[in-house]
Amino acid sequence: MTRHASSANAFTWADRRRLLRALAAAGWAREYRRVEAVLLVAEGRSLSEAARRVHVARTSVHRWVRQYLATRDPAALQDQPRAGRPRVAAHLTDHRLGAALQRDPRRLGYRATTWTVALLARYCAERLACPISPRTLRRRLRAGGYRWKRPRYVYSQRAQHLAQKRGLSAVA
């Protein structure tokens, strides 16, 4: 008797129904892939065939089958939290970022007339207690629809001597 045949016999008709319902309710691709692989094994396919069908390693399918058979609950196949660096900039919402961009950097004590990514990252770290790298901030600004354009300076009044230098009359 082969390895996959014994695991296929371990599944009942109720298991197949549970897995079909979980497959229909799966919201994430990873969860869908896991449930589909276990369902294929429950229907009598080999571990290798199920692994090829869902594009994962055979050992992963074997592990998922063991996880399911231990509890008989499709929730055992859901994605678990992973280790890694926590998302520090998660509490820097688009609203807070937009409110910061509306403020004048000069009124906040900076020697700049417009925001730059480096200056805004520094502001977020110092005042909003949210350290964020300029690269990540640039991505967040682009995703929020913000674009940086060089400011165009315009004189509020026309210089008196400007018309004379160009040869125009002083009345214009």
N, C-alpha and C. Protein backbone atom coordinates (compact mmCIF):
# COMPACT_ATOMS: atom_id res chain seq x y z
N MET A 1 0.85 -1.17 0.00
CA MET A 1 0.00 0.00 0.00
C MET A 1 0.90 1.24 0.00
N THR A 2 0.61 2.20 -0.86
CA THR A 2 1.45 3.39 -0.95
C THR A 2 1.07 4.39 0.12
N ARG A 3 1.93 5.36 0.27
CA ARG A 3 1.75 6.37 1.31
C ARG A 3 0.50 7.21 1.08
N HIS A 4 0.25 7.61 -0.19
CA HIS A 4 -0.89 8.48 -0.45
C HIS A 4 -2.21 7.73 -0.35
N ALA A 5 -2.19 6.42 -0.61
CA ALA A 5 -3.43 5.66 -0.53
C ALA A 5 -3.91 5.56 0.91
N SER A 6 -2.97 5.40 1.85
CA SER A 6 -3.38 5.31 3.25
C SER A 6 -3.89 6.65 3.75
N SER A 7 -3.29 7.75 3.27
CA SER A 7 -3.79 9.05 3.71
C SER A 7 -5.11 9.37 3.05
N ALA A 8 -5.34 8.88 1.83
CA ALA A 8 -6.62 9.12 1.16
C ALA A 8 -7.73 8.36 1.87
N ASN A 9 -7.42 7.16 2.41
CA ASN A 9 -8.42 6.38 3.14
C ASN A 9 -8.73 7.01 4.49
N ALA A 10 -7.86 7.89 4.98
CA ALA A 10 -8.09 8.52 6.27
C ALA A 10 -9.16 9.60 6.18
N PHE A 11 -9.48 10.05 4.97
CA PHE A 11 -10.49 11.10 4.78
C PHE A 11 -11.87 10.48 4.66
N THR A 12 -12.84 11.15 5.22
CA THR A 12 -14.23 10.70 5.13
C THR A 12 -15.00 11.61 4.17
N TRP A 13 -16.22 11.23 3.89
CA TRP A 13 -17.08 12.04 3.03
C TRP A 13 -17.34 13.41 3.68
N ALA A 14 -17.47 13.43 5.00
CA ALA A 14 -17.68 14.70 5.72
C ALA A 14 -16.46 15.61 5.59
N ASP A 15 -15.27 15.01 5.58
CA ASP A 15 -14.05 15.80 5.39
C ASP A 15 -14.05 16.47 4.02
N ARG A 16 -14.44 15.72 3.01
CA ARG A 16 -14.48 16.29 1.66
C ARG A 16 -15.48 17.45 1.58
N ARG A 17 -16.63 17.29 2.22
CA ARG A 17 -17.62 18.39 2.23
C ARG A 17 -17.07 19.61 2.95
N ARG A 18 -16.42 19.38 4.10
CA ARG A 18 -15.83 20.49 4.86
C ARG A 18 -14.78 21.21 4.03
N LEU A 19 -13.96 20.45 3.34
CA LEU A 19 -12.90 21.05 2.53
C LEU A 19 -13.48 21.81 1.33
N LEU A 20 -14.55 21.29 0.74
CA LEU A 20 -15.19 22.00 -0.37
C LEU A 20 -15.78 23.33 0.09
N ARG A 21 -16.40 23.33 1.27
CA ARG A 21 -16.94 24.59 1.82
C ARG A 21 -15.82 25.56 2.14
N ALA A 22 -14.72 25.06 2.70
CA ALA A 22 -13.59 25.93 3.02
C ALA A 22 -12.95 26.47 1.75
N LEU A 23 -12.93 25.68 0.70
CA LEU A 23 -12.37 26.13 -0.57
C LEU A 23 -13.21 27.26 -1.16
N ALA A 24 -14.52 27.14 -1.04
CA ALA A 24 -15.41 28.20 -1.56
C ALA A 24 -15.31 29.47 -0.73
N ALA A 25 -15.00 29.33 0.56
CA ALA A 25 -14.94 30.50 1.44
C ALA A 25 -13.55 31.09 1.58
N ALA A 26 -12.54 30.46 0.97
CA ALA A 26 -11.16 30.94 1.12
C ALA A 26 -11.02 32.33 0.50
N GLY A 27 -10.47 33.24 1.29
CA GLY A 27 -10.31 34.61 0.83
C GLY A 27 -8.91 34.92 0.33
N TRP A 28 -7.93 34.18 0.78
CA TRP A 28 -6.54 34.44 0.40
C TRP A 28 -6.03 33.31 -0.48
N ALA A 29 -5.13 33.64 -1.38
CA ALA A 29 -4.60 32.65 -2.32
C ALA A 29 -3.85 31.55 -1.59
N ARG A 30 -3.10 31.88 -0.56
CA ARG A 30 -2.35 30.85 0.17
C ARG A 30 -3.30 29.84 0.81
N GLU A 31 -4.35 30.36 1.43
CA GLU A 31 -5.31 29.48 2.07
C GLU A 31 -6.02 28.61 1.02
N TYR A 32 -6.37 29.19 -0.10
CA TYR A 32 -7.03 28.45 -1.17
C TYR A 32 -6.12 27.32 -1.67
N ARG A 33 -4.85 27.64 -1.85
CA ARG A 33 -3.89 26.64 -2.35
C ARG A 33 -3.77 25.48 -1.38
N ARG A 34 -3.73 25.76 -0.09
CA ARG A 34 -3.59 24.70 0.91
C ARG A 34 -4.82 23.80 0.95
N VAL A 35 -5.98 24.43 0.97
CA VAL A 35 -7.22 23.65 1.03
C VAL A 35 -7.38 22.83 -0.25
N GLU A 36 -7.04 23.40 -1.40
CA GLU A 36 -7.15 22.67 -2.66
C GLU A 36 -6.22 21.46 -2.67
N ALA A 37 -5.01 21.62 -2.16
CA ALA A 37 -4.07 20.50 -2.13
C ALA A 37 -4.58 19.39 -1.23
N VAL A 38 -5.08 19.73 -0.06
CA VAL A 38 -5.60 18.71 0.86
C VAL A 38 -6.83 18.05 0.24
N LEU A 39 -7.68 18.82 -0.42
CA LEU A 39 -8.86 18.25 -1.07
C LEU A 39 -8.47 17.28 -2.18
N LEU A 40 -7.45 17.61 -2.94
CA LEU A 40 -6.99 16.69 -3.99
C LEU A 40 -6.51 15.37 -3.40
N VAL A 41 -5.80 15.43 -2.28
CA VAL A 41 -5.35 14.21 -1.62
C VAL A 41 -6.55 13.46 -1.06
N ALA A 42 -7.54 14.17 -0.54
CA ALA A 42 -8.73 13.53 0.00
C ALA A 42 -9.53 12.83 -1.10
N GLU A 43 -9.44 13.34 -2.32
CA GLU A 43 -10.14 12.72 -3.44
C GLU A 43 -9.37 11.54 -4.03
N GLY A 44 -8.17 11.26 -3.49
CA GLY A 44 -7.43 10.09 -3.92
C GLY A 44 -6.22 10.38 -4.78
N ARG A 45 -5.91 11.63 -5.04
CA ARG A 45 -4.72 11.96 -5.82
C ARG A 45 -3.49 11.77 -4.95
N SER A 46 -2.35 11.58 -5.57
CA SER A 46 -1.11 11.40 -4.83
C SER A 46 -0.60 12.75 -4.32
N LEU A 47 0.30 12.70 -3.36
CA LEU A 47 0.89 13.93 -2.83
C LEU A 47 1.65 14.67 -3.92
N SER A 48 2.38 13.92 -4.74
CA SER A 48 3.16 14.53 -5.82
C SER A 48 2.26 15.21 -6.84
N GLU A 49 1.16 14.55 -7.18
CA GLU A 49 0.23 15.12 -8.15
C GLU A 49 -0.44 16.37 -7.61
N ALA A 50 -0.84 16.35 -6.35
CA ALA A 50 -1.45 17.52 -5.73
C ALA A 50 -0.45 18.66 -5.64
N ALA A 51 0.81 18.34 -5.34
CA ALA A 51 1.85 19.36 -5.25
C ALA A 51 2.10 20.01 -6.61
N ARG A 52 2.13 19.20 -7.65
CA ARG A 52 2.31 19.75 -9.00
C ARG A 52 1.13 20.63 -9.38
N ARG A 53 -0.05 20.23 -9.02
CA ARG A 53 -1.25 20.96 -9.41
C ARG A 53 -1.32 22.34 -8.76
N VAL A 54 -0.88 22.45 -7.50
CA VAL A 54 -0.95 23.75 -6.81
C VAL A 54 0.41 24.45 -6.78
N HIS A 55 1.42 23.88 -7.44
CA HIS A 55 2.74 24.51 -7.60
C HIS A 55 3.47 24.73 -6.28
N VAL A 56 3.53 23.68 -5.46
CA VAL A 56 4.30 23.72 -4.21
C VAL A 56 5.10 22.43 -4.09
N ALA A 57 5.91 22.35 -3.07
CA ALA A 57 6.70 21.14 -2.82
C ALA A 57 5.82 20.03 -2.23
N ARG A 58 6.21 18.80 -2.50
CA ARG A 58 5.44 17.66 -2.00
C ARG A 58 5.43 17.62 -0.47
N THR A 59 6.54 18.05 0.13
CA THR A 59 6.61 18.05 1.60
C THR A 59 5.60 19.03 2.20
N SER A 60 5.33 20.13 1.49
CA SER A 60 4.34 21.09 1.99
C SER A 60 2.95 20.47 1.99
N VAL A 61 2.62 19.77 0.92
CA VAL A 61 1.30 19.11 0.86
C VAL A 61 1.20 18.07 1.96
N HIS A 62 2.26 17.33 2.19
CA HIS A 62 2.25 16.31 3.25
C HIS A 62 2.02 16.95 4.61
N ARG A 63 2.68 18.08 4.86
CA ARG A 63 2.51 18.78 6.13
C ARG A 63 1.07 19.29 6.28
N TRP A 64 0.49 19.82 5.20
CA TRP A 64 -0.88 20.34 5.27
C TRP A 64 -1.89 19.22 5.52
N VAL A 65 -1.65 18.06 4.91
CA VAL A 65 -2.54 16.92 5.13
C VAL A 65 -2.48 16.49 6.59
N ARG A 66 -1.27 16.43 7.14
CA ARG A 66 -1.13 16.07 8.57
C ARG A 66 -1.81 17.08 9.47
N GLN A 67 -1.66 18.38 9.14
CA GLN A 67 -2.30 19.41 9.96
C GLN A 67 -3.82 19.27 9.93
N TYR A 68 -4.37 19.00 8.76
CA TYR A 68 -5.81 18.86 8.66
C TYR A 68 -6.30 17.61 9.39
N LEU A 69 -5.63 16.48 9.18
CA LEU A 69 -6.07 15.23 9.80
C LEU A 69 -5.93 15.25 11.31
N ALA A 70 -5.05 16.09 11.84
CA ALA A 70 -4.90 16.17 13.30
C ALA A 70 -6.12 16.81 13.95
N THR A 71 -6.77 17.74 13.27
CA THR A 71 -7.91 18.46 13.86
C THR A 71 -9.21 18.25 13.11
N ARG A 72 -9.13 17.83 11.86
CA ARG A 72 -10.29 17.72 10.98
C ARG A 72 -11.02 19.04 10.83
N ASP A 73 -10.24 20.12 10.89
CA ASP A 73 -10.79 21.47 10.79
C ASP A 73 -10.01 22.23 9.72
N PRO A 74 -10.69 22.76 8.68
CA PRO A 74 -9.98 23.52 7.65
C PRO A 74 -9.30 24.78 8.18
N ALA A 75 -9.70 25.26 9.34
CA ALA A 75 -9.06 26.44 9.92
C ALA A 75 -7.60 26.15 10.29
N ALA A 76 -7.25 24.88 10.44
CA ALA A 76 -5.86 24.53 10.74
C ALA A 76 -4.95 24.83 9.56
N LEU A 77 -5.52 25.03 8.37
CA LEU A 77 -4.72 25.32 7.18
C LEU A 77 -4.55 26.81 6.94
N GLN A 78 -5.15 27.64 7.79
CA GLN A 78 -5.04 29.09 7.60
C GLN A 78 -3.63 29.57 7.87
N ASP A 79 -3.32 30.71 7.29
CA ASP A 79 -2.00 31.30 7.40
C ASP A 79 -1.75 31.78 8.83
N GLN A 80 -0.64 31.38 9.41
CA GLN A 80 -0.27 31.81 10.76
C GLN A 80 0.60 33.05 10.67
N PRO A 81 0.62 33.88 11.72
CA PRO A 81 1.50 35.06 11.70
C PRO A 81 2.96 34.63 11.56
N ARG A 82 3.69 35.42 10.81
CA ARG A 82 5.10 35.11 10.56
C ARG A 82 6.00 36.01 11.40
N ALA A 83 7.18 35.50 11.65
CA ALA A 83 8.17 36.31 12.34
C ALA A 83 8.74 37.31 11.35
N GLY A 84 9.21 38.40 11.85
CA GLY A 84 9.81 39.40 10.98
C GLY A 84 9.71 40.77 11.60
N ARG A 85 10.19 41.72 10.89
CA ARG A 85 10.18 43.08 11.38
C ARG A 85 8.75 43.62 11.40
N PRO A 86 8.32 44.17 12.53
CA PRO A 86 6.95 44.69 12.59
C PRO A 86 6.80 45.94 11.73
N ARG A 87 5.61 46.18 11.27
CA ARG A 87 5.33 47.34 10.44
C ARG A 87 5.24 48.57 11.35
N VAL A 88 6.30 49.33 11.38
CA VAL A 88 6.36 50.50 12.26
C VAL A 88 5.48 51.62 11.72
N ALA A 89 5.51 51.81 10.42
CA ALA A 89 4.80 52.94 9.82
C ALA A 89 3.32 52.65 9.59
N ALA A 90 2.79 51.62 10.21
CA ALA A 90 1.39 51.28 9.99
C ALA A 90 0.46 52.32 10.59
N HIS A 91 0.87 52.97 11.68
CA HIS A 91 -0.03 53.96 12.28
C HIS A 91 0.13 55.34 11.66
N LEU A 92 0.97 55.46 10.64
CA LEU A 92 1.04 56.69 9.86
C LEU A 92 -0.01 56.59 8.76
N THR A 93 -1.20 57.02 9.08
CA THR A 93 -2.31 56.88 8.14
C THR A 93 -2.23 57.93 7.05
N ASP A 94 -3.00 57.71 6.02
CA ASP A 94 -3.04 58.67 4.91
C ASP A 94 -3.58 60.01 5.39
N HIS A 95 -4.49 59.98 6.36
CA HIS A 95 -5.05 61.23 6.90
C HIS A 95 -3.96 62.05 7.61
N ARG A 96 -3.16 61.38 8.43
CA ARG A 96 -2.09 62.09 9.15
C ARG A 96 -1.03 62.59 8.19
N LEU A 97 -0.75 61.82 7.16
CA LEU A 97 0.24 62.22 6.17
C LEU A 97 -0.26 63.43 5.38
N GLY A 98 -1.54 63.41 4.99
CA GLY A 98 -2.13 64.54 4.27
C GLY A 98 -2.17 65.79 5.13
N ALA A 99 -2.46 65.63 6.42
CA ALA A 99 -2.49 66.78 7.32
C ALA A 99 -1.09 67.38 7.48
N ALA A 100 -0.07 66.54 7.51
CA ALA A 100 1.30 67.04 7.62
C ALA A 100 1.70 67.80 6.35
N LEU A 101 1.26 67.30 5.20
CA LEU A 101 1.61 67.96 3.94
C LEU A 101 0.91 69.31 3.78
N GLN A 102 -0.21 69.49 4.44
CA GLN A 102 -0.93 70.76 4.37
C GLN A 102 -0.25 71.86 5.18
N ARG A 103 0.57 71.47 6.14
CA ARG A 103 1.23 72.45 7.00
C ARG A 103 2.46 73.02 6.30
N ASP A 104 2.78 74.23 6.65
CA ASP A 104 3.95 74.92 6.09
C ASP A 104 5.17 74.53 6.91
N PRO A 105 6.22 74.01 6.28
CA PRO A 105 7.40 73.59 7.04
C PRO A 105 8.06 74.75 7.79
N ARG A 106 7.93 75.98 7.27
CA ARG A 106 8.54 77.13 7.95
C ARG A 106 7.88 77.38 9.30
N ARG A 107 6.58 77.17 9.39
CA ARG A 107 5.86 77.39 10.66
C ARG A 107 6.18 76.31 11.69
N LEU A 108 6.73 75.20 11.21
CA LEU A 108 7.11 74.13 12.12
C LEU A 108 8.56 74.22 12.55
N GLY A 109 9.25 75.26 12.08
CA GLY A 109 10.63 75.47 12.50
C GLY A 109 11.67 74.98 11.52
N TYR A 110 11.27 74.50 10.38
CA TYR A 110 12.24 74.03 9.38
C TYR A 110 12.60 75.18 8.44
N ARG A 111 13.79 75.12 7.89
CA ARG A 111 14.26 76.16 6.96
C ARG A 111 14.01 75.73 5.52
N ALA A 112 12.78 75.43 5.21
CA ALA A 112 12.42 75.02 3.86
C ALA A 112 11.05 75.59 3.54
N THR A 113 10.86 75.93 2.29
CA THR A 113 9.56 76.49 1.89
C THR A 113 8.60 75.41 1.45
N THR A 114 9.11 74.27 1.03
CA THR A 114 8.27 73.15 0.63
C THR A 114 8.78 71.87 1.27
N TRP A 115 7.92 70.87 1.28
CA TRP A 115 8.30 69.59 1.83
C TRP A 115 9.13 68.81 0.82
N THR A 116 10.16 68.16 1.32
CA THR A 116 10.89 67.16 0.55
C THR A 116 10.66 65.82 1.25
N VAL A 117 10.96 64.74 0.58
CA VAL A 117 10.74 63.43 1.19
C VAL A 117 11.62 63.26 2.43
N ALA A 118 12.87 63.70 2.34
CA ALA A 118 13.77 63.58 3.49
C ALA A 118 13.29 64.42 4.67
N LEU A 119 12.82 65.63 4.38
CA LEU A 119 12.32 66.50 5.45
C LEU A 119 11.04 65.95 6.06
N LEU A 120 10.16 65.41 5.22
CA LEU A 120 8.91 64.85 5.74
C LEU A 120 9.19 63.59 6.56
N ALA A 121 10.16 62.80 6.16
CA ALA A 121 10.54 61.61 6.94
C ALA A 121 11.09 62.03 8.30
N ARG A 122 11.88 63.08 8.30
CA ARG A 122 12.42 63.60 9.57
C ARG A 122 11.30 64.12 10.46
N TYR A 123 10.33 64.84 9.87
CA TYR A 123 9.18 65.35 10.62
C TYR A 123 8.38 64.19 11.23
N CYS A 124 8.16 63.14 10.44
CA CYS A 124 7.40 61.98 10.95
C CYS A 124 8.12 61.32 12.12
N ALA A 125 9.43 61.24 12.02
CA ALA A 125 10.20 60.61 13.11
C ALA A 125 10.20 61.48 14.36
N GLU A 126 10.36 62.79 14.19
CA GLU A 126 10.49 63.67 15.35
C GLU A 126 9.15 64.03 15.98
N ARG A 127 8.20 64.42 15.18
CA ARG A 127 6.95 64.97 15.71
C ARG A 127 5.82 63.96 15.80
N LEU A 128 5.77 63.01 14.87
CA LEU A 128 4.68 62.05 14.86
C LEU A 128 5.06 60.73 15.52
N ALA A 129 6.30 60.61 15.98
CA ALA A 129 6.82 59.39 16.63
C ALA A 129 6.62 58.18 15.73
N CYS A 130 6.89 58.36 14.44
CA CYS A 130 6.74 57.27 13.48
C CYS A 130 7.93 57.30 12.54
N PRO A 131 9.03 56.64 12.90
CA PRO A 131 10.18 56.63 12.00
C PRO A 131 9.86 55.86 10.73
N ILE A 132 10.10 56.48 9.61
CA ILE A 132 9.81 55.87 8.32
C ILE A 132 10.94 56.23 7.37
N SER A 133 11.36 55.28 6.58
CA SER A 133 12.48 55.56 5.67
C SER A 133 11.98 56.42 4.50
N PRO A 134 12.87 57.21 3.92
CA PRO A 134 12.44 58.02 2.77
C PRO A 134 11.92 57.18 1.61
N ARG A 135 12.49 56.01 1.43
CA ARG A 135 12.03 55.14 0.34
C ARG A 135 10.58 54.68 0.58
N THR A 136 10.29 54.26 1.80
CA THR A 136 8.93 53.84 2.11
C THR A 136 7.97 55.02 2.04
N LEU A 137 8.40 56.16 2.53
CA LEU A 137 7.56 57.35 2.47
C LEU A 137 7.28 57.74 1.03
N ARG A 138 8.26 57.63 0.18
CA ARG A 138 8.07 57.95 -1.24
C ARG A 138 7.03 57.03 -1.86
N ARG A 139 7.09 55.73 -1.50
CA ARG A 139 6.09 54.79 -2.01
C ARG A 139 4.70 55.11 -1.48
N ARG A 140 4.60 55.47 -0.20
CA ARG A 140 3.30 55.81 0.38
C ARG A 140 2.72 57.06 -0.25
N LEU A 141 3.56 58.05 -0.52
CA LEU A 141 3.09 59.28 -1.16
C LEU A 141 2.60 59.00 -2.57
N ARG A 142 3.34 58.19 -3.29
CA ARG A 142 2.93 57.86 -4.67
C ARG A 142 1.63 57.07 -4.67
N ALA A 143 1.49 56.15 -3.73
CA ALA A 143 0.25 55.37 -3.64
C ALA A 143 -0.93 56.26 -3.25
N GLY A 144 -0.67 57.30 -2.47
CA GLY A 144 -1.73 58.23 -2.07
C GLY A 144 -2.07 59.26 -3.13
N GLY A 145 -1.37 59.23 -4.25
CA GLY A 145 -1.67 60.16 -5.34
C GLY A 145 -0.95 61.48 -5.25
N TYR A 146 0.03 61.60 -4.37
CA TYR A 146 0.78 62.84 -4.24
C TYR A 146 1.93 62.86 -5.24
N ARG A 147 2.17 64.03 -5.83
CA ARG A 147 3.29 64.21 -6.75
C ARG A 147 4.02 65.47 -6.34
N TRP A 148 5.35 65.44 -6.41
CA TRP A 148 6.14 66.61 -6.05
C TRP A 148 6.51 67.34 -7.31
N LYS A 149 6.24 68.64 -7.31
CA LYS A 149 6.62 69.48 -8.43
C LYS A 149 7.42 70.64 -7.88
N ARG A 150 8.40 71.05 -8.63
CA ARG A 150 9.23 72.17 -8.22
C ARG A 150 8.38 73.42 -8.19
N PRO A 151 8.47 74.21 -7.12
CA PRO A 151 7.62 75.42 -7.04
C PRO A 151 8.06 76.46 -8.07
N ARG A 152 7.10 77.16 -8.59
CA ARG A 152 7.37 78.23 -9.54
C ARG A 152 7.14 79.55 -8.81
N TYR A 153 8.16 80.35 -8.75
CA TYR A 153 8.08 81.61 -8.04
C TYR A 153 7.54 82.68 -9.00
N VAL A 154 6.57 83.45 -8.52
CA VAL A 154 5.93 84.50 -9.32
C VAL A 154 6.00 85.79 -8.52
N TYR A 155 6.40 86.88 -9.18
CA TYR A 155 6.45 88.17 -8.50
C TYR A 155 5.04 88.67 -8.25
N SER A 156 4.85 89.25 -7.10
CA SER A 156 3.51 89.77 -6.80
C SER A 156 3.27 91.10 -7.51
N GLN A 157 4.33 91.86 -7.75
CA GLN A 157 4.21 93.11 -8.49
C GLN A 157 5.27 93.13 -9.58
N ARG A 158 4.96 93.84 -10.64
CA ARG A 158 5.91 93.96 -11.72
C ARG A 158 6.96 95.00 -11.34
N ALA A 159 8.21 94.67 -11.60
CA ALA A 159 9.29 95.60 -11.28
C ALA A 159 9.17 96.85 -12.16
N GLN A 160 9.41 98.02 -11.58
CA GLN A 160 9.28 99.28 -12.31
C GLN A 160 10.30 99.38 -13.44
N HIS A 161 11.49 98.91 -13.22
CA HIS A 161 12.53 99.06 -14.22
C HIS A 161 12.48 97.98 -15.30
N LEU A 162 11.60 96.99 -15.18
CA LEU A 162 11.55 95.89 -16.13
C LEU A 162 11.14 96.35 -17.53
N ALA A 163 10.17 97.22 -17.60
CA ALA A 163 9.70 97.66 -18.91
C ALA A 163 10.76 98.50 -19.62
N GLN A 164 11.52 99.27 -18.90
CA GLN A 164 12.53 100.12 -19.51
C GLN A 164 13.68 99.29 -20.08
N LYS A 165 14.06 98.20 -19.43
CA LYS A 165 15.16 97.39 -19.92
C LYS A 165 14.82 96.70 -21.23
N ARG A 166 13.58 96.37 -21.41
CA ARG A 166 13.19 95.65 -22.62
C ARG A 166 12.85 96.59 -23.78
N GLY A 167 12.89 97.85 -23.52
CA GLY A 167 12.63 98.79 -24.60
C GLY A 167 11.17 99.16 -24.73
N LEU A 168 10.33 98.72 -23.84
CA LEU A 168 8.93 99.06 -23.90
C LEU A 168 8.71 100.40 -23.23
N SER A 169 7.57 100.93 -23.43
CA SER A 169 7.28 102.23 -22.77
C SER A 169 7.05 102.01 -21.30
N ALA A 170 7.26 103.02 -20.50
CA ALA A 170 7.11 102.92 -19.06
C ALA A 170 5.66 102.84 -18.65
N VAL A 171 4.73 103.07 -19.57
CA VAL A 171 3.30 103.03 -19.25
C VAL A 171 2.81 101.61 -19.15
N ALA A 172 3.36 100.72 -19.89
CA ALA A 172 2.88 99.34 -19.96
C ALA A 172 3.11 98.68 -18.66
